[in-house]
Protein backbone atom coordinates (compact mmCIF):
# COMPACT_ATOMS: atom_id res chain seq x y z
CA UNK A 1 -70.36 4.16 -32.85
CA UNK A 2 -73.70 4.04 -30.32
CA UNK A 3 -74.47 0.29 -29.84
CA UNK A 4 -78.26 0.16 -29.25
CA UNK A 5 -79.52 -1.58 -25.97
CA UNK A 6 -80.69 -5.06 -26.81
CA UNK A 7 -83.84 -4.05 -24.95
CA UNK A 8 -84.30 -0.84 -27.08
CA UNK A 9 -85.34 2.72 -25.77
CA UNK A 10 -86.00 2.86 -21.90
CA UNK A 11 -88.87 4.47 -20.45
CA UNK A 12 -88.91 5.55 -17.01
CA UNK A 13 -92.13 6.25 -14.95
CA UNK A 14 -92.19 7.85 -11.71
CA UNK A 15 -95.09 8.33 -8.94
CA UNK A 16 -94.10 9.22 -5.49
CA UNK A 17 -92.01 6.51 -4.19
CA UNK A 18 -92.56 4.09 -7.15
CA UNK A 19 -90.39 3.91 -10.12
CA UNK A 20 -90.61 1.52 -13.26
CA UNK A 21 -88.51 1.26 -16.67
CA UNK A 22 -90.36 -0.08 -19.32
CA UNK A 23 -88.42 -1.09 -22.52
CA UNK A 24 -89.49 -0.75 -26.49
CA UNK A 25 -88.46 -4.28 -26.82
CA UNK A 26 -91.16 -6.59 -25.63
CA UNK A 27 -93.07 -3.77 -23.75
CA UNK A 28 -91.05 -5.19 -20.91
CA UNK A 29 -91.02 -4.13 -17.24
CA UNK A 30 -87.33 -4.02 -16.82
CA UNK A 31 -87.42 -2.44 -13.53
CA UNK A 32 -90.48 -1.93 -10.99
CA UNK A 33 -89.53 -0.80 -7.28
CA UNK A 34 -91.37 0.77 -4.37
CA UNK A 35 -89.56 2.44 -2.08
CA UNK A 36 -86.34 1.36 -3.44
CA UNK A 37 -87.35 -2.08 -2.78
CA UNK A 38 -87.55 -4.22 -5.93
CA UNK A 39 -91.01 -5.63 -6.82
CA UNK A 40 -89.52 -7.56 -9.94
CA UNK A 41 -86.14 -8.88 -10.73
CA UNK A 42 -84.35 -5.95 -12.63
CA UNK A 43 -82.04 -6.51 -15.68
CA UNK A 44 -79.44 -4.24 -17.08
CA UNK A 45 -80.24 -2.57 -20.34
CA UNK A 46 -77.03 -3.83 -21.81
CA UNK A 47 -78.32 -7.61 -21.55
CA UNK A 48 -80.86 -9.41 -23.60
CA UNK A 49 -83.82 -9.80 -21.33
CA UNK A 50 -83.50 -13.04 -19.56
CA UNK A 51 -86.18 -15.52 -19.60
CA UNK A 52 -88.59 -13.23 -21.11
CA UNK A 53 -88.58 -10.96 -18.05
CA UNK A 54 -91.61 -8.45 -17.76
CA UNK A 55 -92.66 -9.12 -21.62
CA UNK A 56 -96.12 -9.41 -22.94
CA UNK A 57 -97.03 -12.56 -24.46
CA UNK A 58 -99.21 -12.65 -27.50
CA UNK A 59 -100.82 -13.69 -29.64
CA UNK A 60 -100.44 -16.88 -27.25
CA UNK A 61 -98.93 -17.19 -24.10
CA UNK A 62 -96.96 -20.34 -22.93
CA UNK A 63 -96.48 -23.13 -25.25
CA UNK A 64 -97.89 -24.20 -28.60
CA UNK A 65 -97.16 -28.05 -29.45
CA UNK A 66 -94.92 -28.41 -32.49
CA UNK A 67 -95.70 -24.92 -33.46
CA UNK A 68 -98.77 -26.15 -35.49
CA UNK A 69 -102.50 -25.42 -35.28
CA UNK A 70 -105.50 -25.45 -37.58
CA UNK A 71 -107.83 -22.62 -37.64
CA UNK A 72 -110.99 -22.31 -39.78
CA UNK A 73 -109.92 -25.31 -41.40
CA UNK A 74 -106.47 -24.33 -42.51
CA UNK A 75 -103.09 -25.61 -40.95
CA UNK A 76 -100.68 -23.22 -39.91
CA UNK A 77 -97.10 -23.51 -38.74
CA UNK A 78 -94.95 -20.99 -36.72
CA UNK A 79 -91.60 -21.35 -35.91
CA UNK A 80 -90.45 -23.87 -32.94
CA UNK A 81 -88.59 -21.56 -30.50
CA UNK A 82 -88.30 -24.34 -27.86
CA UNK A 83 -86.40 -26.84 -29.47
CA UNK A 84 -85.73 -29.08 -26.45
CA UNK A 85 -89.56 -29.76 -26.08
CA UNK A 86 -90.31 -28.71 -29.69
CA UNK A 87 -92.78 -26.04 -28.90
CA UNK A 88 -93.60 -22.69 -30.12
CA UNK A 89 -92.90 -20.51 -26.83
CA UNK A 90 -94.72 -17.30 -25.75
CA UNK A 91 -96.12 -15.92 -29.08
CA UNK A 92 -94.47 -13.56 -31.33
CA UNK A 93 -94.13 -10.05 -29.66
CA UNK A 94 -91.81 -10.62 -26.86
CA UNK A 95 -88.63 -9.88 -28.80
CA UNK A 96 -89.92 -7.31 -31.07
CA UNK A 97 -89.87 -3.34 -30.96
CA UNK A 98 -92.94 -1.62 -30.06
CA UNK A 99 -93.48 2.03 -30.77
CA UNK A 100 -94.27 4.65 -28.07
CA UNK A 101 -97.57 6.63 -28.94
CA UNK A 102 -98.40 8.35 -25.36
CA UNK A 103 -95.79 9.22 -23.08
CA UNK A 104 -95.83 11.27 -19.62
CA UNK A 105 -94.08 10.93 -16.25
CA UNK A 106 -96.26 8.20 -14.77
CA UNK A 107 -97.79 6.48 -18.01
CA UNK A 108 -96.92 5.01 -21.19
CA UNK A 109 -98.54 3.26 -23.86
CA UNK A 110 -96.77 1.19 -26.60
CA UNK A 111 -98.07 -0.14 -29.88
CA UNK A 112 -97.20 -3.05 -32.07
CA UNK A 113 -98.53 -4.00 -35.41
CA UNK A 114 -98.37 -7.65 -35.81
CA UNK A 115 -97.44 -8.41 -39.52
CA UNK A 116 -99.17 -11.13 -41.15
CA UNK A 117 -97.11 -14.16 -41.75
CA UNK A 118 -97.88 -17.74 -43.16
CA UNK A 119 -97.89 -19.13 -39.56
CA UNK A 120 -100.05 -16.40 -38.26
CA UNK A 121 -101.70 -14.51 -41.08
CA UNK A 122 -103.76 -12.02 -38.83
CA UNK A 123 -103.07 -8.37 -38.76
CA UNK A 124 -103.42 -7.36 -35.04
CA UNK A 125 -102.61 -4.25 -33.51
CA UNK A 126 -101.64 -4.42 -29.84
CA UNK A 127 -101.31 -1.69 -27.29
CA UNK A 128 -99.87 -2.03 -23.88
CA UNK A 129 -100.86 0.91 -21.71
CA UNK A 130 -98.67 1.06 -18.44
CA UNK A 131 -99.83 3.48 -15.55
CA UNK A 132 -98.27 4.08 -12.13
CA UNK A 133 -101.28 4.35 -9.51
CA UNK A 134 -101.49 5.04 -5.82
CA UNK A 135 -103.57 2.07 -5.02
CA UNK A 136 -102.70 -0.72 -7.29
CA UNK A 137 -99.24 -0.05 -8.23
CA UNK A 138 -98.10 -0.50 -11.84
CA UNK A 139 -101.04 -1.23 -14.01
CA UNK A 140 -101.05 -2.61 -17.52
CA UNK A 141 -104.22 -2.83 -20.04
CA UNK A 142 -103.27 -4.59 -23.21
CA UNK A 143 -105.71 -4.22 -26.07
CA UNK A 144 -105.66 -6.42 -29.39
CA UNK A 145 -107.67 -5.08 -32.27
CA UNK A 146 -108.04 -7.24 -35.42
CA UNK A 147 -107.31 -4.96 -38.43
CA UNK A 148 -107.90 -8.18 -40.79
CA UNK A 149 -110.85 -9.52 -42.83
CA UNK A 150 -111.18 -12.91 -40.77
CA UNK A 151 -111.36 -13.83 -37.33
CA UNK A 152 -108.09 -14.29 -35.43
CA UNK A 153 -107.07 -16.72 -32.64
CA UNK A 154 -105.70 -15.07 -29.71
CA UNK A 155 -104.31 -15.48 -26.38
CA UNK A 156 -102.19 -13.06 -24.00
CA UNK A 157 -100.09 -13.43 -20.84
CA UNK A 158 -97.28 -11.66 -19.28
CA UNK A 159 -93.88 -12.57 -17.70
CA UNK A 160 -92.96 -10.81 -14.45
CA UNK A 161 -90.15 -12.30 -12.21
CA UNK A 162 -91.09 -11.28 -8.83
CA UNK A 163 -88.32 -10.34 -6.40
CA UNK A 164 -87.67 -11.76 -3.14
CA UNK A 165 -86.01 -8.60 -1.84
CA UNK A 166 -82.71 -9.30 0.03
CA UNK A 167 -83.79 -12.81 0.73
CA UNK A 168 -83.62 -16.12 -1.37
CA UNK A 169 -86.35 -17.83 -2.82
CA UNK A 170 -86.23 -20.48 -0.30
CA UNK A 171 -86.57 -18.16 2.73
CA UNK A 172 -89.91 -16.85 1.07
CA UNK A 173 -93.55 -18.01 1.01
CA UNK A 174 -95.86 -18.03 -1.94
CA UNK A 175 -99.53 -17.29 -1.93
CA UNK A 176 -101.45 -18.23 -5.50
CA UNK A 177 -105.08 -17.40 -5.63
CA UNK A 178 -106.40 -20.79 -7.32
CA UNK A 179 -107.79 -24.10 -6.38
CA UNK A 180 -106.78 -26.30 -9.44
CA UNK A 181 -103.48 -27.21 -11.02
CA UNK A 182 -103.10 -28.15 -14.64
CA UNK A 183 -101.31 -31.58 -15.02
CA UNK A 184 -98.93 -31.70 -17.94
CA UNK A 185 -96.34 -34.08 -20.08
CA UNK A 186 -92.78 -33.96 -20.10
CA UNK A 187 -93.10 -31.16 -22.59
CA UNK A 188 -95.15 -29.04 -20.31
CA UNK A 189 -98.24 -29.44 -22.24
CA UNK A 190 -101.44 -29.96 -20.55
CA UNK A 191 -103.07 -33.29 -20.03
CA UNK A 192 -105.93 -32.42 -17.72
CA UNK A 193 -106.45 -30.60 -14.16
CA UNK A 194 -106.32 -31.79 -10.39
CA UNK A 195 -107.52 -30.14 -7.13
CA UNK A 196 -104.98 -28.78 -5.00
CA UNK A 197 -104.63 -30.19 -1.48
CA UNK A 198 -102.29 -29.87 1.35
CA UNK A 199 -99.04 -27.71 1.15
CA UNK A 200 -99.83 -27.39 -2.69
CA UNK A 201 -103.08 -25.41 -2.06
CA UNK A 202 -101.29 -22.07 -1.67
CA UNK A 203 -104.59 -20.04 -1.59
CA UNK A 204 -102.79 -19.68 2.00
CA UNK A 205 -99.13 -18.87 1.77
CA UNK A 206 -96.93 -21.79 1.79
CA UNK A 207 -92.91 -22.00 2.34
CA UNK A 208 -90.98 -22.29 -1.17
CA UNK A 209 -88.00 -24.07 0.23
CA UNK A 210 -87.18 -27.08 -2.06
CA UNK A 211 -90.14 -26.46 -3.94
CA UNK A 212 -89.63 -26.29 -7.80
CA UNK A 213 -92.83 -24.93 -9.95
CA UNK A 214 -93.54 -24.44 -13.63
CA UNK A 215 -97.36 -25.02 -13.16
CA UNK A 216 -100.53 -23.42 -14.49
CA UNK A 217 -103.21 -22.89 -12.19
CA UNK A 218 -107.16 -22.40 -12.63
CA UNK A 219 -110.34 -21.76 -10.67
CA UNK A 220 -109.01 -18.64 -9.04
CA UNK A 221 -110.44 -16.87 -6.16
CA UNK A 222 -110.76 -13.14 -6.05
CA UNK A 223 -111.12 -10.62 -3.28
CA UNK A 224 -113.76 -8.18 -2.82
CA UNK A 225 -112.55 -6.02 -5.68
CA UNK A 226 -112.79 -9.00 -8.22
CA UNK A 227 -108.88 -9.55 -8.14
CA UNK A 228 -106.90 -12.60 -7.95
CA UNK A 229 -103.40 -12.51 -6.57
CA UNK A 230 -100.08 -13.88 -6.37
CA UNK A 231 -97.68 -12.95 -3.59
CA UNK A 232 -94.07 -13.74 -3.02
CA UNK A 233 -93.88 -13.01 0.77
CA UNK A 234 -90.31 -12.35 1.99
CA UNK A 235 -88.57 -12.43 5.37
CA UNK A 236 -88.62 -8.40 5.34
CA UNK A 237 -92.37 -8.38 6.11
CA UNK A 238 -93.27 -7.42 2.37
CA UNK A 239 -94.73 -9.44 -0.57
CA UNK A 240 -93.81 -8.68 -4.27
CA UNK A 241 -97.66 -8.95 -5.68
CA UNK A 242 -99.22 -9.32 -9.10
CA UNK A 243 -102.89 -9.10 -9.44
CA UNK A 244 -105.29 -9.60 -12.37
CA UNK A 245 -108.71 -8.62 -12.74
CA UNK A 246 -111.97 -10.51 -14.10
CA UNK A 247 -110.59 -10.39 -17.95
CA UNK A 248 -108.34 -13.03 -17.16
CA UNK A 249 -108.48 -16.25 -14.89
CA UNK A 250 -105.48 -18.32 -15.41
CA UNK A 251 -102.12 -18.21 -13.56
CA UNK A 252 -98.68 -19.61 -14.48
CA UNK A 253 -95.77 -19.85 -11.79
CA UNK A 254 -92.28 -20.86 -12.25
CA UNK A 255 -89.58 -20.89 -9.86
CA UNK A 256 -86.73 -20.76 -12.28
CA UNK A 257 -84.98 -24.08 -11.67
CA UNK A 258 -82.52 -24.93 -14.25
CA UNK A 259 -82.91 -21.71 -16.08
CA UNK A 260 -79.38 -20.08 -16.25
CA UNK A 261 -80.26 -16.47 -16.42
CA UNK A 262 -82.65 -16.68 -13.56
CA UNK A 263 -81.41 -19.62 -11.14
CA UNK A 264 -84.24 -19.50 -8.58
CA UNK A 265 -83.39 -16.01 -8.07
CA UNK A 266 -87.05 -14.90 -8.60
CA UNK A 267 -90.60 -16.43 -8.95
CA UNK A 268 -92.41 -15.83 -12.28
CA UNK A 269 -96.20 -14.92 -11.65
CA UNK A 270 -97.80 -14.99 -14.98
CA UNK A 271 -101.65 -13.88 -15.49
CA UNK A 272 -102.83 -15.43 -18.88
CA UNK A 273 -106.12 -15.41 -20.60
CA UNK A 274 -105.54 -19.32 -21.51
CA UNK A 275 -103.13 -22.28 -20.55
CA UNK A 276 -100.65 -23.86 -22.81
CA UNK A 277 -101.89 -25.28 -26.25
CA UNK A 278 -105.01 -23.30 -26.71
CA UNK A 279 -104.51 -22.73 -30.25
CA UNK A 280 -104.77 -26.70 -30.60
CA UNK A 281 -107.30 -27.49 -27.90
CA UNK A 282 -109.54 -24.37 -28.09
CA UNK A 283 -109.54 -24.05 -24.36
CA UNK A 284 -110.03 -20.51 -23.29
CA UNK A 285 -108.88 -19.38 -26.78
CA UNK A 286 -110.19 -15.75 -27.67
CA UNK A 287 -111.67 -15.28 -31.22
CA UNK A 288 -111.40 -11.85 -32.30
CA UNK A 289 -113.61 -10.92 -34.92
CA UNK A 290 -112.71 -8.41 -37.83
CA UNK A 291 -112.58 -4.91 -36.54
CA UNK A 292 -113.21 -6.02 -32.95
CA UNK A 293 -110.89 -5.62 -29.87
CA UNK A 294 -110.10 -7.90 -26.66
CA UNK A 295 -108.57 -6.24 -23.64
CA UNK A 296 -107.27 -7.32 -20.32
CA UNK A 297 -105.93 -5.58 -17.18
CA UNK A 298 -103.53 -6.72 -14.48
CA UNK A 299 -100.80 -4.89 -12.18
CA UNK A 300 -98.17 -5.47 -9.92
CA UNK A 301 -97.28 -3.79 -6.39
CA UNK A 302 -95.67 -4.13 -3.02
CA UNK A 303 -97.77 -5.48 -0.30
């Protein structure tokens, strides 16, 4: 009897010295390395993907308080999946199978049709197109299309865990292109914002030794190409990096403290279209009209 991998089918992409493995479940990046050096923390195909490793997070990223929200005057309840904080965590597609619709040596497109449920009664078609490129590494474009007859609330994010290479996280530096941090309560739900100052302002790389983060960041700054970056700088002279273009303007960073499957082995660098609880607050929430689509683009590379 052949037991299927928890992460499903595996799709290997190759371009020059770049190699990525994308999984059927979650459309997750299971591996991505450049010249044999890991950019993300890999996980074995026999394992359940740890801590949402590399997954697409939709139709909301991060947390939704009590799994409850009101949309167009109707109250909805989704499953509470973070019981210790009583939140619904990271949407509905990170642990489901996606269908491969285009496959080549260096590119892959996966699709998931989200089935309407009482908690989220909106039929979305979500496509994740991965491409290895020479200049920007592994690039991902995710497009959500509303197949229904009413507007749908929507947010999207991604969950790569950056690798420090042969070093430890405490030996690394972190650069985050953002000027503002989102303040939170004990459930990690937003309460406001505050400007970043001193060593907390990581627009220039700052040491990570002894620093614990699970925070969202706003007011991103961008380079001449319009990209915002997070870079985990290692003593080997390289940096595992995530970038996002102007389609997103929010970061989440987590050092993995207290997460058994991660235990501070890497740093989550998560591009997002909105912060936590957007379904309730409306902040940065996307409204996809019937027949319309919403797309975002981001990527990762070794610098």
